[in-house]
Amino acid sequence: MATKDYGSLVEVFRGDLWEAELVKGFLAANGVQAMTKDETVGIASPYNNGGSGVAVLVNHEEQVFAEKIIKENKPRLERHN
């Protein structure tokens, strides 16, 4: 995944709204503050946003740790699909 830069924030995940919220929860449980940025166009459903997705953003300083947490929790995320 190409990393998008949002000033002092960096994108560590992109997916549907429910996936992004789940990833944000994994990060929060490990002490990483994250935010979501919805880049969908038009009316979106929480279950199928149909746009470019929802990004999960963290501070640059926490990028490597956040990506490690996401990688470790990927099997849990895939189980929900």
Protein backbone atom coordinates (compact mmCIF):
# COMPACT_ATOMS: atom_id res chain seq x y z
CA MET A 1 0.00 0.00 0.00
CA ALA A 2 1.34 3.42 -0.91
CA THR A 3 1.50 5.62 2.16
CA LYS A 4 -0.57 8.80 1.98
CA ASP A 5 0.71 11.74 3.94
CA TYR A 6 -1.77 14.01 5.78
CA GLY A 7 0.66 16.49 7.38
CA SER A 8 1.70 14.98 10.71
CA LEU A 9 -0.58 11.97 10.10
CA VAL A 10 0.03 8.94 7.91
CA GLU A 11 -2.37 6.35 6.51
CA VAL A 12 -1.81 2.84 7.87
CA PHE A 13 -4.98 1.12 6.65
CA ARG A 14 -7.82 1.58 4.15
CA GLY A 15 -11.03 -0.41 3.90
CA ASP A 16 -14.75 -0.38 4.51
CA LEU A 17 -16.06 1.65 7.45
CA TRP A 18 -16.51 -1.41 9.69
CA GLU A 19 -12.97 -2.62 8.91
CA ALA A 20 -11.48 0.81 9.63
CA GLU A 21 -13.34 1.03 12.95
CA LEU A 22 -12.13 -2.46 13.90
CA VAL A 23 -8.52 -1.52 13.08
CA LYS A 24 -8.90 1.70 15.04
CA GLY A 25 -10.06 -0.40 18.00
CA PHE A 26 -7.04 -2.74 17.70
CA LEU A 27 -4.77 0.31 17.73
CA ALA A 28 -6.54 1.94 20.69
CA ALA A 29 -6.27 -1.30 22.69
CA ASN A 30 -2.50 -1.05 22.19
CA GLY A 31 -2.24 2.62 23.16
CA VAL A 32 -2.07 4.08 19.65
CA GLN A 33 -4.31 7.04 18.96
CA ALA A 34 -5.87 6.83 15.52
CA MET A 35 -8.55 8.58 13.53
CA THR A 36 -10.57 7.64 10.50
CA LYS A 37 -11.01 9.69 7.35
CA ASP A 38 -13.95 8.78 5.14
CA GLU A 39 -13.13 9.47 1.51
CA THR A 40 -16.31 8.03 0.03
CA VAL A 41 -18.35 9.98 -2.45
CA GLY A 42 -22.11 10.22 -2.15
CA ILE A 43 -24.27 8.32 0.30
CA ALA A 44 -22.43 5.49 1.97
CA SER A 45 -23.59 2.51 3.98
CA PRO A 46 -21.54 1.35 6.98
CA TYR A 47 -21.49 -2.11 5.39
CA ASN A 48 -20.55 -1.28 1.81
CA ASN A 49 -19.29 2.22 1.19
CA GLY A 50 -18.66 1.74 -2.54
CA GLY A 51 -16.23 4.66 -2.67
CA SER A 52 -12.51 4.86 -2.17
CA GLY A 53 -12.86 3.70 1.41
CA VAL A 54 -12.12 4.83 4.91
CA ALA A 55 -8.51 5.51 5.89
CA VAL A 56 -7.08 4.95 9.36
CA LEU A 57 -4.51 7.60 10.25
CA VAL A 58 -1.88 7.72 13.00
CA ASN A 59 0.97 10.08 13.91
CA HIS A 60 4.17 9.55 11.91
CA GLU A 61 5.99 8.53 15.09
CA GLU A 62 3.60 5.61 15.64
CA GLN A 63 3.44 4.35 12.04
CA VAL A 64 5.77 1.35 12.40
CA PHE A 65 4.15 0.20 15.66
CA ALA A 66 0.64 0.70 14.21
CA GLU A 67 1.49 -1.33 11.10
CA LYS A 68 2.86 -4.12 13.32
CA ILE A 69 -0.40 -4.19 15.33
CA ILE A 70 -2.47 -4.29 12.14
CA LYS A 71 -0.35 -7.14 10.73
CA GLU A 72 -0.68 -9.13 13.97
CA ASN A 73 -4.47 -8.67 13.97
CA LYS A 74 -5.00 -9.33 10.25
CA PRO A 75 -6.30 -12.89 10.86
CA ARG A 76 -8.95 -11.49 13.23
CA LEU A 77 -9.94 -8.89 10.65
CA GLU A 78 -10.18 -11.48 7.87
CA ARG A 79 -12.42 -13.71 10.03
CA HIS A 80 -15.07 -11.00 9.95
CA ASN A 81 -15.25 -10.96 6.14
